Amino acid sequence: MKILSLVLFLTLILVSRSVGQEFDRTIEGQVKAAFLYNFTKFVVWPENSFEDPTAPVRIGVIGDNDLLQHLETVVEGKTVRGRPVVVSQLETLELPDYCHVAFVAQVPTESEWEAIAKLTDRSVLVVGHAPGFASRGGVINFVPNGTQMHLEINPTAAERRRLQISSRLLSLATLVSDPD
């Protein structure tokens, strides 16, 4: 709980610096990077999601070099449950083996939506920031609202990917579901 409180406190500090104006791209990148790293602390992956007991938690970023740089700074020297955290740039949603978090920075094309839907056989926390992202197969969606950042989480999408999301993280988000 202390970690989550600290993250929220730091996020509020970053957000308060931009009160009265839209999210600055740098601040938004810093906030998203902090959240992406901290998501790894509140999600449990099946053991077979890792090559071995000391394998790293891998976070891939598709389409945002600035966020990648912020994320590299955030995770430098950090571990999650004894595993180092590794960040890499991904070109497509054709994810490498043992990718644990995939952040999709752009609004997905129709073929990318289909690729996201096909990821249900992999234990990947798919995160985005496009309208309807979590309700169209993603697990977590960043929803900017002026100077605030909200989260949407699709628990059903997480279950399909065999991911266990902490109730603490779920309590911070708006829960969404797949369309009927």
Foldseek 3Di string as FASTA:
>chain_A
DVVVVVLVVVLVVLLVVQPPFFDDPLSVLLNVLSVVVVQLQFKDAPPVLAPDPAEAAEEEEEDDPSSQVSNCVVQVPHGHPNYRYYYYYDHALPDDRSHAEYEYEDDDDPVNLVSLQVCLCANHQYEYADVCQQQSQHAKYWDGDGSDTAIEGAVVSNVSNVMDGHVVVVVRHHYDYHDD
